[in-house]
Amino acid sequence: MSESTATVKRGRKPANKVAYRQEDSPLLTAWPVDFDPSKHTPLTPEDFTPEVEYIYWDNRAEVYRKRMQDAEREADLCRKFGSKEQRAKVSQMEKLKSQLEALKAELGDLV
């Protein structure tokens, strides 16, 4: 192999995230309002006091509930519209429809 051969990196790029709760900080007693998943590593049950660990699990349940609803919606779409092209057109139509509704709400007093 020569020096000019480029090496191919595989795998995920490391996320430059920091822990929300530092080692020396007290355990959490409520879900932090300034927690940002794009900046912080995920919280764990160990980040909460044992008395309120349910807060972590309630949050996880809500996340999975939303993911399940999204998956069910996608499955229904696939049942109704067989091809990817049809689903893309329907998706575009729904997006335009919601934008139109937003414009109507914004201009409601003028119309």
Protein backbone atom coordinates (compact mmCIF):
# COMPACT_ATOMS: atom_id res chain seq x y z
CA MET A 1 0.00 0.00 0.00
CA SER A 2 1.34 3.41 -0.89
CA GLU A 3 1.23 6.57 1.21
CA SER A 4 -1.27 8.19 -1.14
CA THR A 5 -3.91 5.54 -0.46
CA ALA A 6 -6.67 7.02 1.66
CA THR A 7 -7.87 4.99 4.59
CA VAL A 8 -11.59 4.50 4.90
CA LYS A 9 -13.03 5.14 8.31
CA ARG A 10 -16.02 3.04 9.18
CA GLY A 11 -18.55 3.23 11.93
CA ARG A 12 -20.23 6.10 13.69
CA LYS A 13 -18.57 9.41 14.21
CA PRO A 14 -18.14 10.07 17.93
CA ALA A 15 -20.72 12.46 19.31
CA ASN A 16 -19.18 15.41 21.09
CA LYS A 17 -21.59 15.35 24.00
CA VAL A 18 -21.00 16.09 27.64
CA ALA A 19 -22.64 14.50 30.64
CA TYR A 20 -25.47 16.57 32.09
CA ARG A 21 -24.77 15.60 35.68
CA GLN A 22 -21.14 15.73 36.78
CA GLU A 23 -19.69 13.25 39.27
CA ASP A 24 -19.60 15.72 42.15
CA SER A 25 -23.08 17.20 41.56
CA PRO A 26 -26.08 15.96 43.56
CA LEU A 27 -28.51 13.42 42.17
CA LEU A 28 -31.49 14.76 40.24
CA THR A 29 -34.94 14.96 41.83
CA ALA A 30 -36.81 16.16 38.71
CA TRP A 31 -36.33 16.05 34.95
CA PRO A 32 -33.98 18.95 34.10
CA VAL A 33 -35.63 21.63 31.98
CA ASP A 34 -32.33 22.62 30.38
CA PHE A 35 -31.44 19.05 29.32
CA ASP A 36 -30.64 19.00 25.59
CA PRO A 37 -30.21 15.56 23.96
CA SER A 38 -28.12 17.08 21.18
CA LYS A 39 -25.59 18.44 23.71
CA HIS A 40 -25.77 15.99 26.62
CA THR A 41 -25.27 12.26 26.91
CA PRO A 42 -28.46 10.38 27.81
CA LEU A 43 -29.53 10.41 31.42
CA THR A 44 -29.58 7.08 33.28
CA PRO A 45 -31.53 5.86 36.29
CA GLU A 46 -28.38 6.37 38.37
CA ASP A 47 -28.60 10.13 37.74
CA PHE A 48 -31.78 10.33 39.85
CA THR A 49 -32.33 9.79 43.55
CA PRO A 50 -33.82 6.34 44.27
CA GLU A 51 -37.08 7.92 45.48
CA VAL A 52 -37.77 9.60 42.13
CA GLU A 53 -36.20 7.11 39.72
CA TYR A 54 -39.70 6.71 38.25
CA ILE A 55 -39.20 10.10 36.54
CA TYR A 56 -36.54 8.55 34.32
CA TRP A 57 -38.76 5.58 33.48
CA ASP A 58 -41.80 7.77 32.81
CA ASN A 59 -39.72 9.76 30.35
CA ARG A 60 -38.48 6.58 28.64
CA ALA A 61 -42.07 5.29 28.40
CA GLU A 62 -43.18 8.53 26.75
CA VAL A 63 -40.32 8.35 24.23
CA TYR A 64 -41.22 4.78 23.27
CA ARG A 65 -44.94 5.63 23.15
CA LYS A 66 -44.20 8.33 20.56
CA ARG A 67 -41.99 5.97 18.57
CA MET A 68 -44.75 3.34 18.61
CA GLN A 69 -47.30 5.87 17.34
CA ASP A 70 -44.92 6.87 14.54
CA ALA A 71 -44.38 3.21 13.59
CA GLU A 72 -48.13 2.52 13.59
CA ARG A 73 -48.75 5.59 11.44
CA GLU A 74 -46.06 4.45 8.99
CA ALA A 75 -47.52 0.93 8.86
CA ASP A 76 -50.99 2.33 8.12
CA LEU A 77 -49.52 4.46 5.37
CA CYS A 78 -47.85 1.42 3.84
CA ARG A 79 -51.12 -0.52 3.94
CA LYS A 80 -53.05 2.29 2.24
CA PHE A 81 -50.47 3.26 -0.36
CA GLY A 82 -48.39 0.41 -1.70
CA SER A 83 -45.56 2.09 -3.53
CA LYS A 84 -42.90 4.46 -2.21
CA GLU A 85 -43.83 7.00 -4.88
CA GLN A 86 -47.45 7.12 -3.72
CA ARG A 87 -46.39 7.47 -0.09
CA ALA A 88 -44.00 10.30 -0.99
CA LYS A 89 -46.79 12.15 -2.82
CA VAL A 90 -49.18 11.67 0.10
CA SER A 91 -46.52 12.87 2.52
CA GLN A 92 -45.91 15.95 0.41
CA MET A 93 -49.66 16.59 0.22
CA GLU A 94 -49.97 16.34 4.03
CA LYS A 95 -47.06 18.74 4.49
CA LEU A 96 -48.61 21.27 2.10
CA LYS A 97 -51.97 20.82 3.79
CA SER A 98 -50.54 21.62 7.21
CA GLN A 99 -48.71 24.66 5.81
CA LEU A 100 -51.98 25.87 4.28
CA GLU A 101 -53.78 25.44 7.62
CA ALA A 102 -51.04 27.42 9.35
CA LEU A 103 -51.37 30.22 6.81
CA LYS A 104 -55.16 30.24 7.22
CA ALA A 105 -54.78 30.49 11.00
CA GLU A 106 -52.26 33.32 10.61
CA LEU A 107 -54.52 35.24 8.23
CA GLY A 108 -57.75 34.30 9.99
CA ASP A 109 -58.66 37.87 10.89
CA LEU A 110 -57.98 39.20 7.41
CA VAL A 111 -60.03 36.68 5.44
